Amino acid sequence: MNELVNEPLSDDIVCLDIEDASKGRPSDDQVMMLIKEKTGATNSSAFQQLPADIKKSVLIELKGKRASLRQLERLTGISKTMIYRM
């Protein structure tokens, strides 16, 4: 049995690899850390007081990093409909 496990596969055999975990959704802590780095805002109230162009650019970036609409709504206090439209 060990021979099968330890023997390298030939080049013509294709296997499915486990996807990289970094491609999943970011955690709430990761999203808040990015918001803090980009804007200095430490909570949803501070984020809402930022200029509209800054909020928009940060939200677009977070959507690009696969943060969910509900997650962004919860962490920023901005409705998911507004976030979706960006």
PDB file of N, CA and C in Angstrom:
ATOM      1  N   MET A   1       0.822  -1.191   0.000  1.00  0.00           N
ATOM      2  CA  MET A   1       0.000   0.000   0.000  1.00  0.00           C
ATOM      3  C   MET A   1       0.871   1.261   0.000  1.00  0.00           C
ATOM      4  N   ASN A   2       1.955   1.296   0.794  1.00  0.00           N
ATOM      5  CA  ASN A   2       2.847   2.449   0.843  1.00  0.00           C
ATOM      6  C   ASN A   2       3.472   2.751  -0.508  1.00  0.00           C
ATOM      7  N   GLU A   3       3.684   1.701  -1.321  1.00  0.00           N
ATOM      8  CA  GLU A   3       4.284   1.905  -2.629  1.00  0.00           C
ATOM      9  C   GLU A   3       3.382   2.800  -3.492  1.00  0.00           C
ATOM     10  N   LEU A   4       2.071   2.593  -3.405  1.00  0.00           N
ATOM     11  CA  LEU A   4       1.134   3.387  -4.194  1.00  0.00           C
ATOM     12  C   LEU A   4       1.091   4.839  -3.734  1.00  0.00           C
ATOM     13  N   VAL A   5       1.179   5.040  -2.455  1.00  0.00           N
ATOM     14  CA  VAL A   5       1.102   6.389  -1.904  1.00  0.00           C
ATOM     15  C   VAL A   5       2.371   7.173  -2.185  1.00  0.00           C
ATOM     16  N   ASN A   6       3.497   6.556  -2.059  1.00  0.00           N
ATOM     17  CA  ASN A   6       4.771   7.248  -2.191  1.00  0.00           C
ATOM     18  C   ASN A   6       5.280   7.345  -3.620  1.00  0.00           C
ATOM     19  N   GLU A   7       4.686   6.605  -4.540  1.00  0.00           N
ATOM     20  CA  GLU A   7       5.151   6.605  -5.921  1.00  0.00           C
ATOM     21  C   GLU A   7       4.622   7.845  -6.645  1.00  0.00           C
ATOM     22  N   PRO A   8       5.504   8.612  -7.304  1.00  0.00           N
ATOM     23  CA  PRO A   8       5.043   9.798  -8.031  1.00  0.00           C
ATOM     24  C   PRO A   8       4.157   9.404  -9.204  1.00  0.00           C
ATOM     25  N   LEU A   9       3.203  10.266  -9.523  1.00  0.00           N
ATOM     26  CA  LEU A   9       2.292  10.013 -10.631  1.00  0.00           C
ATOM     27  C   LEU A   9       2.962  10.400 -11.944  1.00  0.00           C
ATOM     28  N   SER A  10       2.571   9.715 -12.998  1.00  0.00           N
ATOM     29  CA  SER A  10       3.114  10.073 -14.310  1.00  0.00           C
ATOM     30  C   SER A  10       2.470  11.377 -14.776  1.00  0.00           C
ATOM     31  N   ASP A  11       3.064  11.990 -15.774  1.00  0.00           N
ATOM     32  CA  ASP A  11       2.608  13.292 -16.264  1.00  0.00           C
ATOM     33  C   ASP A  11       1.248  13.234 -16.938  1.00  0.00           C
ATOM     34  N   ASP A  12       0.827  12.069 -17.400  1.00  0.00           N
ATOM     35  CA  ASP A  12      -0.446  11.974 -18.106  1.00  0.00           C
ATOM     36  C   ASP A  12      -1.638  11.798 -17.150  1.00  0.00           C
ATOM     37  N   ILE A  13      -1.407  11.687 -15.867  1.00  0.00           N
ATOM     38  CA  ILE A  13      -2.482  11.555 -14.882  1.00  0.00           C
ATOM     39  C   ILE A  13      -2.830  12.940 -14.341  1.00  0.00           C
ATOM     40  N   VAL A  14      -4.115  13.260 -14.396  1.00  0.00           N
ATOM     41  CA  VAL A  14      -4.589  14.563 -13.945  1.00  0.00           C
ATOM     42  C   VAL A  14      -5.372  14.384 -12.641  1.00  0.00           C
ATOM     43  N   CYS A  15      -5.045  15.188 -11.662  1.00  0.00           N
ATOM     44  CA  CYS A  15      -5.732  15.132 -10.368  1.00  0.00           C
ATOM     45  C   CYS A  15      -6.300  16.505 -10.042  1.00  0.00           C
ATOM     46  N   LEU A  16      -7.355  16.508  -9.274  1.00  0.00           N
ATOM     47  CA  LEU A  16      -7.904  17.774  -8.800  1.00  0.00           C
ATOM     48  C   LEU A  16      -7.131  18.219  -7.576  1.00  0.00           C
ATOM     49  N   ASP A  17      -6.691  19.449  -7.596  1.00  0.00           N
ATOM     50  CA  ASP A  17      -5.989  19.994  -6.445  1.00  0.00           C
ATOM     51  C   ASP A  17      -6.973  20.715  -5.545  1.00  0.00           C
ATOM     52  N   ILE A  18      -6.650  20.792  -4.281  1.00  0.00           N
ATOM     53  CA  ILE A  18      -7.443  21.572  -3.339  1.00  0.00           C
ATOM     54  C   ILE A  18      -7.200  23.038  -3.654  1.00  0.00           C
ATOM     55  N   GLU A  19      -8.271  23.794  -3.770  1.00  0.00           N
ATOM     56  CA  GLU A  19      -8.114  25.204  -4.098  1.00  0.00           C
ATOM     57  C   GLU A  19      -7.426  25.946  -2.963  1.00  0.00           C
ATOM     58  N   ASP A  20      -6.712  26.962  -3.346  1.00  0.00           N
ATOM     59  CA  ASP A  20      -6.005  27.800  -2.393  1.00  0.00           C
ATOM     60  C   ASP A  20      -7.014  28.475  -1.460  1.00  0.00           C
ATOM     61  N   ALA A  21      -6.815  28.375  -0.163  1.00  0.00           N
ATOM     62  CA  ALA A  21      -7.738  28.965   0.812  1.00  0.00           C
ATOM     63  C   ALA A  21      -7.783  30.481   0.708  1.00  0.00           C
ATOM     64  N   SER A  22      -6.755  31.091   0.155  1.00  0.00           N
ATOM     65  CA  SER A  22      -6.733  32.546   0.052  1.00  0.00           C
ATOM     66  C   SER A  22      -7.744  33.064  -0.976  1.00  0.00           C
ATOM     67  N   LYS A  23      -8.310  32.177  -1.778  1.00  0.00           N
ATOM     68  CA  LYS A  23      -9.290  32.586  -2.772  1.00  0.00           C
ATOM     69  C   LYS A  23     -10.697  32.654  -2.201  1.00  0.00           C
ATOM     70  N   GLY A  24     -10.877  32.295  -0.944  1.00  0.00           N
ATOM     71  CA  GLY A  24     -12.191  32.341  -0.326  1.00  0.00           C
ATOM     72  C   GLY A  24     -12.544  33.741   0.131  1.00  0.00           C
ATOM     73  N   ARG A  25     -13.649  33.854   0.805  1.00  0.00           N
ATOM     74  CA  ARG A  25     -14.098  35.153   1.310  1.00  0.00           C
ATOM     75  C   ARG A  25     -13.239  35.572   2.504  1.00  0.00           C
ATOM     76  N   PRO A  26     -12.965  36.865   2.609  1.00  0.00           N
ATOM     77  CA  PRO A  26     -12.196  37.344   3.770  1.00  0.00           C
ATOM     78  C   PRO A  26     -13.062  37.351   5.025  1.00  0.00           C
ATOM     79  N   SER A  27     -12.434  37.207   6.172  1.00  0.00           N
ATOM     80  CA  SER A  27     -13.160  37.248   7.438  1.00  0.00           C
ATOM     81  C   SER A  27     -13.516  38.694   7.773  1.00  0.00           C
ATOM     82  N   ASP A  28     -14.407  38.871   8.737  1.00  0.00           N
ATOM     83  CA  ASP A  28     -14.778  40.214   9.186  1.00  0.00           C
ATOM     84  C   ASP A  28     -13.555  40.976   9.676  1.00  0.00           C
ATOM     85  N   ASP A  29     -12.684  40.289  10.384  1.00  0.00           N
ATOM     86  CA  ASP A  29     -11.475  40.944  10.904  1.00  0.00           C
ATOM     87  C   ASP A  29     -10.577  41.425   9.771  1.00  0.00           C
ATOM     88  N   GLN A  30     -10.451  40.613   8.722  1.00  0.00           N
ATOM     89  CA  GLN A  30      -9.626  41.008   7.580  1.00  0.00           C
ATOM     90  C   GLN A  30     -10.219  42.221   6.871  1.00  0.00           C
ATOM     91  N   VAL A  31     -11.550  42.240   6.730  1.00  0.00           N
ATOM     92  CA  VAL A  31     -12.212  43.363   6.072  1.00  0.00           C
ATOM     93  C   VAL A  31     -12.027  44.631   6.898  1.00  0.00           C
ATOM     94  N   MET A  32     -12.239  44.544   8.207  1.00  0.00           N
ATOM     95  CA  MET A  32     -12.087  45.723   9.072  1.00  0.00           C
ATOM     96  C   MET A  32     -10.645  46.213   9.078  1.00  0.00           C
ATOM     97  N   MET A  33      -9.690  45.299   9.034  1.00  0.00           N
ATOM     98  CA  MET A  33      -8.286  45.700   9.010  1.00  0.00           C
ATOM     99  C   MET A  33      -7.986  46.463   7.709  1.00  0.00           C
ATOM    100  N   LEU A  34      -8.531  45.992   6.596  1.00  0.00           N
ATOM    101  CA  LEU A  34      -8.318  46.680   5.326  1.00  0.00           C
ATOM    102  C   LEU A  34      -8.979  48.054   5.338  1.00  0.00           C
ATOM    103  N   ILE A  35     -10.186  48.144   5.893  1.00  0.00           N
ATOM    104  CA  ILE A  35     -10.876  49.440   5.994  1.00  0.00           C
ATOM    105  C   ILE A  35     -10.044  50.401   6.827  1.00  0.00           C
ATOM    106  N   LYS A  36      -9.518  49.911   7.928  1.00  0.00           N
ATOM    107  CA  LYS A  36      -8.707  50.762   8.813  1.00  0.00           C
ATOM    108  C   LYS A  36      -7.428  51.213   8.116  1.00  0.00           C
ATOM    109  N   GLU A  37      -6.784  50.303   7.376  1.00  0.00           N
ATOM    110  CA  GLU A  37      -5.554  50.653   6.654  1.00  0.00           C
ATOM    111  C   GLU A  37      -5.815  51.707   5.586  1.00  0.00           C
ATOM    112  N   LYS A  38      -6.903  51.545   4.852  1.00  0.00           N
ATOM    113  CA  LYS A  38      -7.195  52.439   3.727  1.00  0.00           C
ATOM    114  C   LYS A  38      -7.752  53.789   4.162  1.00  0.00           C
ATOM    115  N   THR A  39      -8.538  53.809   5.260  1.00  0.00           N
ATOM    116  CA  THR A  39      -9.266  55.030   5.615  1.00  0.00           C
ATOM    117  C   THR A  39      -8.963  55.561   7.009  1.00  0.00           C
ATOM    118  N   GLY A  40      -8.492  54.712   7.892  1.00  0.00           N
ATOM    119  CA  GLY A  40      -8.296  55.116   9.280  1.00  0.00           C
ATOM    120  C   GLY A  40      -9.553  54.967  10.117  1.00  0.00           C
ATOM    121  N   ALA A  41     -10.670  54.588   9.477  1.00  0.00           N
ATOM    122  CA  ALA A  41     -11.941  54.418  10.198  1.00  0.00           C
ATOM    123  C   ALA A  41     -11.908  53.114  10.980  1.00  0.00           C
ATOM    124  N   THR A  42     -12.308  53.179  12.247  1.00  0.00           N
ATOM    125  CA  THR A  42     -12.274  51.995  13.095  1.00  0.00           C
ATOM    126  C   THR A  42     -13.664  51.424  13.368  1.00  0.00           C
ATOM    127  N   ASN A  43     -14.707  52.121  12.916  1.00  0.00           N
ATOM    128  CA  ASN A  43     -16.067  51.612  13.094  1.00  0.00           C
ATOM    129  C   ASN A  43     -16.957  52.125  11.965  1.00  0.00           C
ATOM    130  N   SER A  44     -18.201  51.650  11.942  1.00  0.00           N
ATOM    131  CA  SER A  44     -19.097  52.001  10.843  1.00  0.00           C
ATOM    132  C   SER A  44     -19.448  53.485  10.839  1.00  0.00           C
ATOM    133  N   SER A  45     -19.568  54.092  11.996  1.00  0.00           N
ATOM    134  CA  SER A  45     -19.894  55.525  12.058  1.00  0.00           C
ATOM    135  C   SER A  45     -18.788  56.362  11.421  1.00  0.00           C
ATOM    136  N   ALA A  46     -17.560  56.044  11.741  1.00  0.00           N
ATOM    137  CA  ALA A  46     -16.424  56.775  11.172  1.00  0.00           C
ATOM    138  C   ALA A  46     -16.351  56.547   9.664  1.00  0.00           C
ATOM    139  N   PHE A  47     -16.648  55.323   9.215  1.00  0.00           N
ATOM    140  CA  PHE A  47     -16.612  55.031   7.787  1.00  0.00           C
ATOM    141  C   PHE A  47     -17.675  55.828   7.043  1.00  0.00           C
ATOM    142  N   GLN A  48     -18.865  55.935   7.614  1.00  0.00           N
ATOM    143  CA  GLN A  48     -19.964  56.649   6.967  1.00  0.00           C
ATOM    144  C   GLN A  48     -19.680  58.141   6.837  1.00  0.00           C
ATOM    145  N   GLN A  49     -18.829  58.694   7.686  1.00  0.00           N
ATOM    146  CA  GLN A  49     -18.516  60.113   7.638  1.00  0.00           C
ATOM    147  C   GLN A  49     -17.433  60.457   6.620  1.00  0.00           C
ATOM    148  N   LEU A  50     -16.858  59.464   6.000  1.00  0.00           N
ATOM    149  CA  LEU A  50     -15.818  59.704   4.988  1.00  0.00           C
ATOM    150  C   LEU A  50     -16.430  60.282   3.720  1.00  0.00           C
ATOM    151  N   PRO A  51     -15.627  60.965   2.904  1.00  0.00           N
ATOM    152  CA  PRO A  51     -16.119  61.456   1.610  1.00  0.00           C
ATOM    153  C   PRO A  51     -16.606  60.293   0.736  1.00  0.00           C
ATOM    154  N   ALA A  52     -17.612  60.555  -0.089  1.00  0.00           N
ATOM    155  CA  ALA A  52     -18.252  59.522  -0.901  1.00  0.00           C
ATOM    156  C   ALA A  52     -17.275  58.810  -1.823  1.00  0.00           C
ATOM    157  N   ASP A  53     -16.332  59.541  -2.413  1.00  0.00           N
ATOM    158  CA  ASP A  53     -15.403  58.902  -3.353  1.00  0.00           C
ATOM    159  C   ASP A  53     -14.476  57.905  -2.655  1.00  0.00           C
ATOM    160  N   ILE A  54     -14.085  58.211  -1.434  1.00  0.00           N
ATOM    161  CA  ILE A  54     -13.225  57.287  -0.676  1.00  0.00           C
ATOM    162  C   ILE A  54     -14.011  56.044  -0.302  1.00  0.00           C
ATOM    163  N   LYS A  55     -15.241  56.235   0.206  1.00  0.00           N
ATOM    164  CA  LYS A  55     -16.082  55.084   0.563  1.00  0.00           C
ATOM    165  C   LYS A  55     -16.281  54.187  -0.655  1.00  0.00           C
ATOM    166  N   LYS A  56     -16.577  54.789  -1.790  1.00  0.00           N
ATOM    167  CA  LYS A  56     -16.842  54.021  -2.999  1.00  0.00           C
ATOM    168  C   LYS A  56     -15.621  53.214  -3.418  1.00  0.00           C
ATOM    169  N   SER A  57     -14.452  53.839  -3.419  1.00  0.00           N
ATOM    170  CA  SER A  57     -13.245  53.128  -3.861  1.00  0.00           C
ATOM    171  C   SER A  57     -12.902  51.963  -2.924  1.00  0.00           C
ATOM    172  N   VAL A  58     -13.079  52.174  -1.616  1.00  0.00           N
ATOM    173  CA  VAL A  58     -12.788  51.106  -0.649  1.00  0.00           C
ATOM    174  C   VAL A  58     -13.790  49.964  -0.818  1.00  0.00           C
ATOM    175  N   LEU A  59     -15.063  50.284  -0.980  1.00  0.00           N
ATOM    176  CA  LEU A  59     -16.072  49.241  -1.142  1.00  0.00           C
ATOM    177  C   LEU A  59     -15.856  48.461  -2.436  1.00  0.00           C
ATOM    178  N   ILE A  60     -15.483  49.133  -3.504  1.00  0.00           N
ATOM    179  CA  ILE A  60     -15.202  48.439  -4.763  1.00  0.00           C
ATOM    180  C   ILE A  60     -14.010  47.502  -4.597  1.00  0.00           C
ATOM    181  N   GLU A  61     -13.000  47.963  -3.890  1.00  0.00           N
ATOM    182  CA  GLU A  61     -11.827  47.116  -3.647  1.00  0.00           C
ATOM    183  C   GLU A  61     -12.203  45.889  -2.824  1.00  0.00           C
ATOM    184  N   LEU A  62     -13.032  46.091  -1.792  1.00  0.00           N
ATOM    185  CA  LEU A  62     -13.441  44.975  -0.942  1.00  0.00           C
ATOM    186  C   LEU A  62     -14.313  43.984  -1.712  1.00  0.00           C
ATOM    187  N   LYS A  63     -15.166  44.485  -2.588  1.00  0.00           N
ATOM    188  CA  LYS A  63     -15.965  43.583  -3.422  1.00  0.00           C
ATOM    189  C   LYS A  63     -15.054  42.769  -4.329  1.00  0.00           C
ATOM    190  N   GLY A  64     -13.989  43.387  -4.794  1.00  0.00           N
ATOM    191  CA  GLY A  64     -13.014  42.682  -5.622  1.00  0.00           C
ATOM    192  C   GLY A  64     -12.270  41.600  -4.862  1.00  0.00           C
ATOM    193  N   LYS A  65     -12.189  41.752  -3.564  1.00  0.00           N
ATOM    194  CA  LYS A  65     -11.529  40.747  -2.717  1.00  0.00           C
ATOM    195  C   LYS A  65     -12.525  39.714  -2.208  1.00  0.00           C
ATOM    196  N   ARG A  66     -13.725  39.699  -2.810  1.00  0.00           N
ATOM    197  CA  ARG A  66     -14.772  38.723  -2.548  1.00  0.00           C
ATOM    198  C   ARG A  66     -15.480  38.879  -1.206  1.00  0.00           C
ATOM    199  N   ALA A  67     -15.449  40.055  -0.613  1.00  0.00           N
ATOM    200  CA  ALA A  67     -16.244  40.293   0.591  1.00  0.00           C
ATOM    201  C   ALA A  67     -17.710  40.299   0.166  1.00  0.00           C
ATOM    202  N   SER A  68     -18.584  39.693   0.963  1.00  0.00           N
ATOM    203  CA  SER A  68     -19.992  39.610   0.591  1.00  0.00           C
ATOM    204  C   SER A  68     -20.702  40.935   0.859  1.00  0.00           C
ATOM    205  N   LEU A  69     -21.816  41.141   0.148  1.00  0.00           N
ATOM    206  CA  LEU A  69     -22.602  42.370   0.331  1.00  0.00           C
ATOM    207  C   LEU A  69     -23.110  42.483   1.763  1.00  0.00           C
ATOM    208  N   ARG A  70     -23.599  41.388   2.309  1.00  0.00           N
ATOM    209  CA  ARG A  70     -24.108  41.413   3.696  1.00  0.00           C
ATOM    210  C   ARG A  70     -22.991  41.736   4.687  1.00  0.00           C
ATOM    211  N   GLN A  71     -21.829  41.179   4.444  1.00  0.00           N
ATOM    212  CA  GLN A  71     -20.687  41.438   5.315  1.00  0.00           C
ATOM    213  C   GLN A  71     -20.313  42.921   5.263  1.00  0.00           C
ATOM    214  N   LEU A  72     -20.259  43.476   4.065  1.00  0.00           N
ATOM    215  CA  LEU A  72     -19.925  44.892   3.932  1.00  0.00           C
ATOM    216  C   LEU A  72     -21.007  45.773   4.551  1.00  0.00           C
ATOM    217  N   GLU A  73     -22.261  45.379   4.378  1.00  0.00           N
ATOM    218  CA  GLU A  73     -23.357  46.136   4.981  1.00  0.00           C
ATOM    219  C   GLU A  73     -23.217  46.145   6.507  1.00  0.00           C
ATOM    220  N   ARG A  74     -22.948  44.986   7.056  1.00  0.00           N
ATOM    221  CA  ARG A  74     -22.836  44.849   8.510  1.00  0.00           C
ATOM    222  C   ARG A  74     -21.653  45.656   9.066  1.00  0.00           C
ATOM    223  N   LEU A  75     -20.538  45.652   8.356  1.00  0.00           N
ATOM    224  CA  LEU A  75     -19.327  46.282   8.880  1.00  0.00           C
ATOM    225  C   LEU A  75     -19.250  47.783   8.616  1.00  0.00           C
ATOM    226  N   THR A  76     -19.929  48.246   7.544  1.00  0.00           N
ATOM    227  CA  THR A  76     -19.832  49.666   7.199  1.00  0.00           C
ATOM    228  C   THR A  76     -21.087  50.459   7.535  1.00  0.00           C
ATOM    229  N   GLY A  77     -22.221  49.766   7.711  1.00  0.00           N
ATOM    230  CA  GLY A  77     -23.467  50.461   7.983  1.00  0.00           C
ATOM    231  C   GLY A  77     -24.116  51.025   6.732  1.00  0.00           C
ATOM    232  N   ILE A  78     -23.594  50.679   5.554  1.00  0.00           N
ATOM    233  CA  ILE A  78     -24.154  51.137   4.288  1.00  0.00           C
ATOM    234  C   ILE A  78     -25.013  50.006   3.735  1.00  0.00           C
ATOM    235  N   SER A  79     -26.204  50.344   3.212  1.00  0.00           N
ATOM    236  CA  SER A  79     -27.129  49.312   2.761  1.00  0.00           C
ATOM    237  C   SER A  79     -26.520  48.485   1.634  1.00  0.00           C
ATOM    238  N   LYS A  80     -26.905  47.212   1.605  1.00  0.00           N
ATOM    239  CA  LYS A  80     -26.339  46.329   0.582  1.00  0.00           C
ATOM    240  C   LYS A  80     -26.794  46.734  -0.813  1.00  0.00           C
ATOM    241  N   THR A  81     -27.945  47.395  -0.934  1.00  0.00           N
ATOM    242  CA  THR A  81     -28.400  47.886  -2.231  1.00  0.00           C
ATOM    243  C   THR A  81     -27.438  48.949  -2.760  1.00  0.00           C
ATOM    244  N   MET A  82     -27.011  49.857  -1.890  1.00  0.00           N
ATOM    245  CA  MET A  82     -26.052  50.891  -2.286  1.00  0.00           C
ATOM    246  C   MET A  82     -24.707  50.259  -2.658  1.00  0.00           C
ATOM    247  N   ILE A  83     -24.291  49.274  -1.889  1.00  0.00           N
ATOM    248  CA  ILE A  83     -23.015  48.598  -2.151  1.00  0.00           C
ATOM    249  C   ILE A  83     -23.099  47.857  -3.475  1.00  0.00           C
ATOM    250  N   TYR A  84     -24.233  47.209  -3.729  1.00  0.00           N
ATOM    251  CA  TYR A  84     -24.410  46.449  -4.972  1.00  0.00           C
ATOM    252  C   TYR A  84     -24.297  47.345  -6.196  1.00  0.00           C
ATOM    253  N   ARG A  85     -24.817  48.554  -6.095  1.00  0.00           N
ATOM    254  CA  ARG A  85     -24.834  49.491  -7.222  1.00  0.00           C
ATOM    255  C   ARG A  85     -23.452  50.054  -7.548  1.00  0.00           C
ATOM    256  N   MET A  86     -22.490  49.886  -6.680  1.00  0.00           N
ATOM    257  CA  MET A  86     -21.147  50.442  -6.918  1.00  0.00           C
ATOM    258  C   MET A  86     -20.363  49.550  -7.854  1.00  0.00           C
TER     259      MET A  86
END
